[in-house]
Amino acid sequence: MERIGKPIRVAVVFEPGRQIRPVCFDWHNRKHTVTEIVYCWRGQAGEDSLLYFSVSDGSDLFELVYNTADQSWTLNGVEAG
């Protein structure tokens, strides 16, 4: 997986039970629609709680990270299909 580490804009749906589901994001001036959430997990960076999402747009695999402290999103990596 190629590491990116760049901030991105992400559209999400907040589902019952405080679950967050990313639905699309912008990267390289292109909208990527999330067709599948492959895996999600939690992590820590110091005192910040991070939510990791491994998602697919139907052709490529992306790792998105949501920082709950500052409510920012990062594109952590991409693997071209």
PDB file of N, CA and C in Angstrom:
ATOM      1  N   MET A   1       0.845  -1.174   0.000  1.00  0.00           N
ATOM      2  CA  MET A   1       0.000   0.000   0.000  1.00  0.00           C
ATOM      3  C   MET A   1       0.891   1.238   0.000  1.00  0.00           C
ATOM      4  N   GLU A   2       0.631   2.149  -0.903  1.00  0.00           N
ATOM      5  CA  GLU A   2       1.366   3.407  -0.976  1.00  0.00           C
ATOM      6  C   GLU A   2       0.873   4.347   0.117  1.00  0.00           C
ATOM      7  N   ARG A   3       1.778   4.844   0.941  1.00  0.00           N
ATOM      8  CA  ARG A   3       1.421   5.765   2.016  1.00  0.00           C
ATOM      9  C   ARG A   3       1.241   7.169   1.463  1.00  0.00           C
ATOM     10  N   ILE A   4       0.133   7.807   1.861  1.00  0.00           N
ATOM     11  CA  ILE A   4      -0.187   9.152   1.378  1.00  0.00           C
ATOM     12  C   ILE A   4      -0.065  10.175   2.513  1.00  0.00           C
ATOM     13  N   GLY A   5      -0.857  10.015   3.574  1.00  0.00           N
ATOM     14  CA  GLY A   5      -0.796  10.905   4.730  1.00  0.00           C
ATOM     15  C   GLY A   5      -1.233  12.326   4.467  1.00  0.00           C
ATOM     16  N   LYS A   6      -2.251  12.514   3.628  1.00  0.00           N
ATOM     17  CA  LYS A   6      -2.740  13.853   3.282  1.00  0.00           C
ATOM     18  C   LYS A   6      -4.151  14.074   3.832  1.00  0.00           C
ATOM     19  N   PRO A   7      -4.451  15.303   4.281  1.00  0.00           N
ATOM     20  CA  PRO A   7      -5.816  15.605   4.723  1.00  0.00           C
ATOM     21  C   PRO A   7      -6.778  15.580   3.537  1.00  0.00           C
ATOM     22  N   ILE A   8      -7.998  15.087   3.773  1.00  0.00           N
ATOM     23  CA  ILE A   8      -9.019  15.019   2.721  1.00  0.00           C
ATOM     24  C   ILE A   8     -10.378  15.401   3.289  1.00  0.00           C
ATOM     25  N   ARG A   9     -11.310  15.682   2.369  1.00  0.00           N
ATOM     26  CA  ARG A   9     -12.710  15.910   2.733  1.00  0.00           C
ATOM     27  C   ARG A   9     -13.467  14.601   2.564  1.00  0.00           C
ATOM     28  N   VAL A  10     -14.280  14.253   3.573  1.00  0.00           N
ATOM     29  CA  VAL A  10     -15.036  13.005   3.548  1.00  0.00           C
ATOM     30  C   VAL A  10     -16.489  13.301   3.911  1.00  0.00           C
ATOM     31  N   ALA A  11     -17.419  12.723   3.152  1.00  0.00           N
ATOM     32  CA  ALA A  11     -18.844  12.788   3.496  1.00  0.00           C
ATOM     33  C   ALA A  11     -19.188  11.498   4.232  1.00  0.00           C
ATOM     34  N   VAL A  12     -19.883  11.632   5.359  1.00  0.00           N
ATOM     35  CA  VAL A  12     -20.204  10.466   6.176  1.00  0.00           C
ATOM     36  C   VAL A  12     -21.687  10.446   6.535  1.00  0.00           C
ATOM     37  N   VAL A  13     -22.139   9.267   6.946  1.00  0.00           N
ATOM     38  CA  VAL A  13     -23.471   9.090   7.514  1.00  0.00           C
ATOM     39  C   VAL A  13     -23.262   8.656   8.958  1.00  0.00           C
ATOM     40  N   PHE A  14     -23.950   9.337   9.873  1.00  0.00           N
ATOM     41  CA  PHE A  14     -23.921   8.931  11.275  1.00  0.00           C
ATOM     42  C   PHE A  14     -25.103   8.019  11.503  1.00  0.00           C
ATOM     43  N   GLU A  15     -24.817   6.753  11.775  1.00  0.00           N
ATOM     44  CA  GLU A  15     -25.854   5.749  11.928  1.00  0.00           C
ATOM     45  C   GLU A  15     -26.193   5.570  13.406  1.00  0.00           C
ATOM     46  N   PRO A  16     -27.319   4.913  13.705  1.00  0.00           N
ATOM     47  CA  PRO A  16     -27.673   4.655  15.104  1.00  0.00           C
ATOM     48  C   PRO A  16     -26.534   3.937  15.832  1.00  0.00           C
ATOM     49  N   GLY A  17     -26.403   4.221  17.116  1.00  0.00           N
ATOM     50  CA  GLY A  17     -25.337   3.613  17.900  1.00  0.00           C
ATOM     51  C   GLY A  17     -24.017   4.333  17.748  1.00  0.00           C
ATOM     52  N   ARG A  18     -24.048   5.562  17.258  1.00  0.00           N
ATOM     53  CA  ARG A  18     -22.862   6.401  17.081  1.00  0.00           C
ATOM     54  C   ARG A  18     -21.863   5.812  16.101  1.00  0.00           C
ATOM     55  N   GLN A  19     -22.329   5.046  15.146  1.00  0.00           N
ATOM     56  CA  GLN A  19     -21.468   4.482  14.109  1.00  0.00           C
ATOM     57  C   GLN A  19     -21.288   5.503  12.979  1.00  0.00           C
ATOM     58  N   ILE A  20     -20.068   5.612  12.473  1.00  0.00           N
ATOM     59  CA  ILE A  20     -19.751   6.512  11.364  1.00  0.00           C
ATOM     60  C   ILE A  20     -19.497   5.660  10.131  1.00  0.00           C
ATOM     61  N   ARG A  21     -20.135   6.042   9.019  1.00  0.00           N
ATOM     62  CA  ARG A  21     -19.938   5.311   7.761  1.00  0.00           C
ATOM     63  C   ARG A  21     -19.542   6.295   6.663  1.00  0.00           C
ATOM     64  N   PRO A  22     -18.281   6.265   6.204  1.00  0.00           N
ATOM     65  CA  PRO A  22     -17.891   7.136   5.094  1.00  0.00           C
ATOM     66  C   PRO A  22     -18.598   6.711   3.807  1.00  0.00           C
ATOM     67  N   VAL A  23     -19.105   7.701   3.061  1.00  0.00           N
ATOM     68  CA  VAL A  23     -19.817   7.387   1.816  1.00  0.00           C
ATOM     69  C   VAL A  23     -19.071   7.866   0.572  1.00  0.00           C
ATOM     70  N   CYS A  24     -18.290   8.932   0.704  1.00  0.00           N
ATOM     71  CA  CYS A  24     -17.472   9.397  -0.416  1.00  0.00           C
ATOM     72  C   CYS A  24     -16.404  10.350   0.102  1.00  0.00           C
ATOM     73  N   PHE A  25     -15.369  10.558  -0.712  1.00  0.00           N
ATOM     74  CA  PHE A  25     -14.300  11.485  -0.343  1.00  0.00           C
ATOM     75  C   PHE A  25     -13.681  12.058  -1.609  1.00  0.00           C
ATOM     76  N   ASP A  26     -13.031  13.209  -1.451  1.00  0.00           N
ATOM     77  CA  ASP A  26     -12.350  13.883  -2.558  1.00  0.00           C
ATOM     78  C   ASP A  26     -10.856  13.641  -2.447  1.00  0.00           C
ATOM     79  N   TRP A  27     -10.248  13.248  -3.560  1.00  0.00           N
ATOM     80  CA  TRP A  27      -8.802  13.099  -3.620  1.00  0.00           C
ATOM     81  C   TRP A  27      -8.363  13.281  -5.067  1.00  0.00           C
ATOM     82  N   HIS A  28      -7.344  14.086  -5.263  1.00  0.00           N
ATOM     83  CA  HIS A  28      -6.827  14.406  -6.603  1.00  0.00           C
ATOM     84  C   HIS A  28      -7.930  14.998  -7.492  1.00  0.00           C
ATOM     85  N   ASN A  29      -8.704  15.906  -6.928  1.00  0.00           N
ATOM     86  CA  ASN A  29      -9.782  16.585  -7.653  1.00  0.00           C
ATOM     87  C   ASN A  29     -10.806  15.610  -8.241  1.00  0.00           C
ATOM     88  N   ARG A  30     -11.003  14.501  -7.544  1.00  0.00           N
ATOM     89  CA  ARG A  30     -11.965  13.497  -8.008  1.00  0.00           C
ATOM     90  C   ARG A  30     -12.759  12.962  -6.825  1.00  0.00           C
ATOM     91  N   LYS A  31     -14.037  12.776  -7.017  1.00  0.00           N
ATOM     92  CA  LYS A  31     -14.895  12.207  -5.982  1.00  0.00           C
ATOM     93  C   LYS A  31     -14.836  10.688  -6.074  1.00  0.00           C
ATOM     94  N   HIS A  32     -14.529  10.043  -4.952  1.00  0.00           N
ATOM     95  CA  HIS A  32     -14.494   8.586  -4.863  1.00  0.00           C
ATOM     96  C   HIS A  32     -15.677   8.139  -4.007  1.00  0.00           C
ATOM     97  N   THR A  33     -16.565   7.367  -4.573  1.00  0.00           N
ATOM     98  CA  THR A  33     -17.717   6.846  -3.841  1.00  0.00           C
ATOM     99  C   THR A  33     -17.334   5.522  -3.197  1.00  0.00           C
ATOM    100  N   VAL A  34     -17.575   5.425  -1.900  1.00  0.00           N
ATOM    101  CA  VAL A  34     -17.259   4.202  -1.163  1.00  0.00           C
ATOM    102  C   VAL A  34     -18.313   3.155  -1.494  1.00  0.00           C
ATOM    103  N   THR A  35     -17.882   2.072  -2.116  1.00  0.00           N
ATOM    104  CA  THR A  35     -18.800   0.982  -2.455  1.00  0.00           C
ATOM    105  C   THR A  35     -18.781  -0.122  -1.409  1.00  0.00           C
ATOM    106  N   GLU A  36     -17.683  -0.164  -0.613  1.00  0.00           N
ATOM    107  CA  GLU A  36     -17.570  -1.206   0.415  1.00  0.00           C
ATOM    108  C   GLU A  36     -16.639  -0.741   1.530  1.00  0.00           C
ATOM    109  N   ILE A  37     -17.059  -0.990   2.754  1.00  0.00           N
ATOM    110  CA  ILE A  37     -16.165  -0.831   3.897  1.00  0.00           C
ATOM    111  C   ILE A  37     -15.603  -2.218   4.171  1.00  0.00           C
ATOM    112  N   VAL A  38     -14.334  -2.391   3.885  1.00  0.00           N
ATOM    113  CA  VAL A  38     -13.695  -3.704   3.992  1.00  0.00           C
ATOM    114  C   VAL A  38     -13.418  -4.051   5.454  1.00  0.00           C
ATOM    115  N   TYR A  39     -12.944  -3.072   6.212  1.00  0.00           N
ATOM    116  CA  TYR A  39     -12.584  -3.317   7.599  1.00  0.00           C
ATOM    117  C   TYR A  39     -12.505  -1.982   8.315  1.00  0.00           C
ATOM    118  N   CYS A  40     -12.796  -1.962   9.612  1.00  0.00           N
ATOM    119  CA  CYS A  40     -12.607  -0.752  10.408  1.00  0.00           C
ATOM    120  C   CYS A  40     -12.080  -1.142  11.790  1.00  0.00           C
ATOM    121  N   TRP A  41     -11.307  -0.230  12.386  1.00  0.00           N
ATOM    122  CA  TRP A  41     -10.719  -0.482  13.695  1.00  0.00           C
ATOM    123  C   TRP A  41     -10.391   0.845  14.360  1.00  0.00           C
ATOM    124  N   ARG A  42     -10.092   0.771  15.659  1.00  0.00           N
ATOM    125  CA  ARG A  42      -9.752   1.953  16.448  1.00  0.00           C
ATOM    126  C   ARG A  42      -8.266   1.933  16.788  1.00  0.00           C
ATOM    127  N   GLY A  43      -7.715   3.136  16.976  1.00  0.00           N
ATOM    128  CA  GLY A  43      -6.322   3.272  17.366  1.00  0.00           C
ATOM    129  C   GLY A  43      -6.133   4.533  18.191  1.00  0.00           C
ATOM    130  N   GLN A  44      -4.920   4.767  18.623  1.00  0.00           N
ATOM    131  CA  GLN A  44      -4.571   5.937  19.427  1.00  0.00           C
ATOM    132  C   GLN A  44      -3.342   6.604  18.830  1.00  0.00           C
ATOM    133  N   ALA A  45      -3.306   7.917  18.928  1.00  0.00           N
ATOM    134  CA  ALA A  45      -2.116   8.703  18.617  1.00  0.00           C
ATOM    135  C   ALA A  45      -1.953   9.670  19.785  1.00  0.00           C
ATOM    136  N   GLY A  46      -1.147   9.275  20.762  1.00  0.00           N
ATOM    137  CA  GLY A  46      -1.068  10.056  21.994  1.00  0.00           C
ATOM    138  C   GLY A  46      -2.396   9.948  22.721  1.00  0.00           C
ATOM    139  N   GLU A  47      -3.013  11.077  22.959  1.00  0.00           N
ATOM    140  CA  GLU A  47      -4.319  11.091  23.628  1.00  0.00           C
ATOM    141  C   GLU A  47      -5.483  11.097  22.644  1.00  0.00           C
ATOM    142  N   ASP A  48      -5.202  11.210  21.361  1.00  0.00           N
ATOM    143  CA  ASP A  48      -6.257  11.269  20.341  1.00  0.00           C
ATOM    144  C   ASP A  48      -6.741   9.870  19.974  1.00  0.00           C
ATOM    145  N   SER A  49      -8.062   9.723  19.888  1.00  0.00           N
ATOM    146  CA  SER A  49      -8.655   8.480  19.407  1.00  0.00           C
ATOM    147  C   SER A  49      -8.806   8.565  17.895  1.00  0.00           C
ATOM    148  N   LEU A  50      -8.390   7.510  17.206  1.00  0.00           N
ATOM    149  CA  LEU A  50      -8.464   7.461  15.751  1.00  0.00           C
ATOM    150  C   LEU A  50      -9.369   6.320  15.321  1.00  0.00           C
ATOM    151  N   LEU A  51     -10.172   6.562  14.284  1.00  0.00           N
ATOM    152  CA  LEU A  51     -11.008   5.539  13.678  1.00  0.00           C
ATOM    153  C   LEU A  51     -10.461   5.285  12.283  1.00  0.00           C
ATOM    154  N   TYR A  52     -10.098   4.054  12.009  1.00  0.00           N
ATOM    155  CA  TYR A  52      -9.526   3.663  10.721  1.00  0.00           C
ATOM    156  C   TYR A  52     -10.582   2.944   9.893  1.00  0.00           C
ATOM    157  N   PHE A  53     -10.624   3.260   8.606  1.00  0.00           N
ATOM    158  CA  PHE A  53     -11.555   2.627   7.678  1.00  0.00           C
ATOM    159  C   PHE A  53     -10.790   2.184   6.438  1.00  0.00           C
ATOM    160  N   SER A  54     -10.829   0.902   6.154  1.00  0.00           N
ATOM    161  CA  SER A  54     -10.304   0.375   4.907  1.00  0.00           C
ATOM    162  C   SER A  54     -11.494   0.276   3.965  1.00  0.00           C
ATOM    163  N   VAL A  55     -11.489   1.091   2.893  1.00  0.00           N
ATOM    164  CA  VAL A  55     -12.655   1.191   2.014  1.00  0.00           C
ATOM    165  C   VAL A  55     -12.256   0.989   0.555  1.00  0.00           C
ATOM    166  N   SER A  56     -13.243   0.614  -0.242  1.00  0.00           N
ATOM    167  CA  SER A  56     -13.017   0.427  -1.675  1.00  0.00           C
ATOM    168  C   SER A  56     -13.996   1.301  -2.453  1.00  0.00           C
ATOM    169  N   ASP A  57     -13.548   1.770  -3.612  1.00  0.00           N
ATOM    170  CA  ASP A  57     -14.433   2.495  -4.529  1.00  0.00           C
ATOM    171  C   ASP A  57     -14.814   1.598  -5.709  1.00  0.00           C
ATOM    172  N   GLY A  58     -14.578   0.307  -5.553  1.00  0.00           N
ATOM    173  CA  GLY A  58     -14.893  -0.642  -6.612  1.00  0.00           C
ATOM    174  C   GLY A  58     -13.688  -1.042  -7.435  1.00  0.00           C
ATOM    175  N   SER A  59     -12.610  -0.238  -7.349  1.00  0.00           N
ATOM    176  CA  SER A  59     -11.399  -0.599  -8.088  1.00  0.00           C
ATOM    177  C   SER A  59     -10.147  -0.485  -7.221  1.00  0.00           C
ATOM    178  N   ASP A  60     -10.090   0.512  -6.347  1.00  0.00           N
ATOM    179  CA  ASP A  60      -8.915   0.725  -5.510  1.00  0.00           C
ATOM    180  C   ASP A  60      -9.285   0.576  -4.038  1.00  0.00           C
ATOM    181  N   LEU A  61      -8.264   0.342  -3.205  1.00  0.00           N
ATOM    182  CA  LEU A  61      -8.442   0.211  -1.764  1.00  0.00           C
ATOM    183  C   LEU A  61      -7.798   1.415  -1.091  1.00  0.00           C
ATOM    184  N   PHE A  62      -8.512   2.031  -0.147  1.00  0.00           N
ATOM    185  CA  PHE A  62      -8.043   3.238   0.531  1.00  0.00           C
ATOM    186  C   PHE A  62      -8.100   3.030   2.035  1.00  0.00           C
ATOM    187  N   GLU A  63      -7.170   3.647   2.749  1.00  0.00           N
ATOM    188  CA  GLU A  63      -7.227   3.668   4.206  1.00  0.00           C
ATOM    189  C   GLU A  63      -7.501   5.098   4.644  1.00  0.00           C
ATOM    190  N   LEU A  64      -8.677   5.316   5.230  1.00  0.00           N
ATOM    191  CA  LEU A  64      -9.089   6.618   5.728  1.00  0.00           C
ATOM    192  C   LEU A  64      -8.971   6.616   7.243  1.00  0.00           C
ATOM    193  N   VAL A  65      -8.552   7.745   7.817  1.00  0.00           N
ATOM    194  CA  VAL A  65      -8.411   7.853   9.266  1.00  0.00           C
ATOM    195  C   VAL A  65      -9.156   9.092   9.742  1.00  0.00           C
ATOM    196  N   TYR A  66     -10.034   8.885  10.744  1.00  0.00           N
ATOM    197  CA  TYR A  66     -10.775   9.985  11.352  1.00  0.00           C
ATOM    198  C   TYR A  66     -10.224  10.230  12.745  1.00  0.00           C
ATOM    199  N   ASN A  67      -9.782  11.470  12.994  1.00  0.00           N
ATOM    200  CA  ASN A  67      -9.280  11.867  14.304  1.00  0.00           C
ATOM    201  C   ASN A  67     -10.451  12.470  15.072  1.00  0.00           C
ATOM    202  N   THR A  68     -10.886  11.801  16.141  1.00  0.00           N
ATOM    203  CA  THR A  68     -12.065  12.261  16.873  1.00  0.00           C
ATOM    204  C   THR A  68     -11.790  13.528  17.668  1.00  0.00           C
ATOM    205  N   ALA A  69     -10.520  13.818  17.980  1.00  0.00           N
ATOM    206  CA  ALA A  69     -10.190  15.010  18.765  1.00  0.00           C
ATOM    207  C   ALA A  69     -10.390  16.292  17.958  1.00  0.00           C
ATOM    208  N   ASP A  70      -9.844  16.326  16.741  1.00  0.00           N
ATOM    209  CA  ASP A  70      -9.980  17.551  15.933  1.00  0.00           C
ATOM    210  C   ASP A  70     -10.942  17.378  14.754  1.00  0.00           C
ATOM    211  N   GLN A  71     -11.595  16.218  14.677  1.00  0.00           N
ATOM    212  CA  GLN A  71     -12.595  15.906  13.650  1.00  0.00           C
ATOM    213  C   GLN A  71     -12.052  16.074  12.235  1.00  0.00           C
ATOM    214  N   SER A  72     -10.806  15.620  12.037  1.00  0.00           N
ATOM    215  CA  SER A  72     -10.188  15.705  10.719  1.00  0.00           C
ATOM    216  C   SER A  72     -10.076  14.315  10.102  1.00  0.00           C
ATOM    217  N   TRP A  73     -10.011  14.291   8.774  1.00  0.00           N
ATOM    218  CA  TRP A  73      -9.833  13.049   8.021  1.00  0.00           C
ATOM    219  C   TRP A  73      -8.497  13.083   7.288  1.00  0.00           C
ATOM    220  N   THR A  74      -7.847  11.921   7.222  1.00  0.00           N
ATOM    221  CA  THR A  74      -6.588  11.768   6.500  1.00  0.00           C
ATOM    222  C   THR A  74      -6.684  10.562   5.590  1.00  0.00           C
ATOM    223  N   LEU A  75      -6.184  10.712   4.367  1.00  0.00           N
ATOM    224  CA  LEU A  75      -6.016   9.569   3.493  1.00  0.00           C
ATOM    225  C   LEU A  75      -4.649   8.987   3.841  1.00  0.00           C
ATOM    226  N   ASN A  76      -4.652   7.864   4.543  1.00  0.00           N
ATOM    227  CA  ASN A  76      -3.415   7.271   5.041  1.00  0.00           C
ATOM    228  C   ASN A  76      -2.673   6.507   3.953  1.00  0.00           C
ATOM    229  N   GLY A  77      -3.428   5.844   3.063  1.00  0.00           N
ATOM    230  CA  GLY A  77      -2.779   5.081   2.011  1.00  0.00           C
ATOM    231  C   GLY A  77      -3.753   4.646   0.924  1.00  0.00           C
ATOM    232  N   VAL A  78      -3.191   4.205  -0.194  1.00  0.00           N
ATOM    233  CA  VAL A  78      -3.999   3.729  -1.317  1.00  0.00           C
ATOM    234  C   VAL A  78      -3.293   2.547  -1.965  1.00  0.00           C
ATOM    235  N   GLU A  79      -4.076   1.586  -2.366  1.00  0.00           N
ATOM    236  CA  GLU A  79      -3.568   0.426  -3.102  1.00  0.00           C
ATOM    237  C   GLU A  79      -4.374   0.299  -4.382  1.00  0.00           C
ATOM    238  N   ALA A  80      -3.713   0.545  -5.505  1.00  0.00           N
ATOM    239  CA  ALA A  80      -4.401   0.502  -6.792  1.00  0.00           C
ATOM    240  C   ALA A  80      -4.772  -0.925  -7.133  1.00  0.00           C
ATOM    241  N   GLY A  81      -6.000  -1.072  -7.656  1.00  0.00           N
ATOM    242  CA  GLY A  81      -6.501  -2.399  -8.008  1.00  0.00           C
ATOM    243  C   GLY A  81      -6.122  -2.774  -9.335  1.00  0.00           C
TER     244      GLY A  81
END
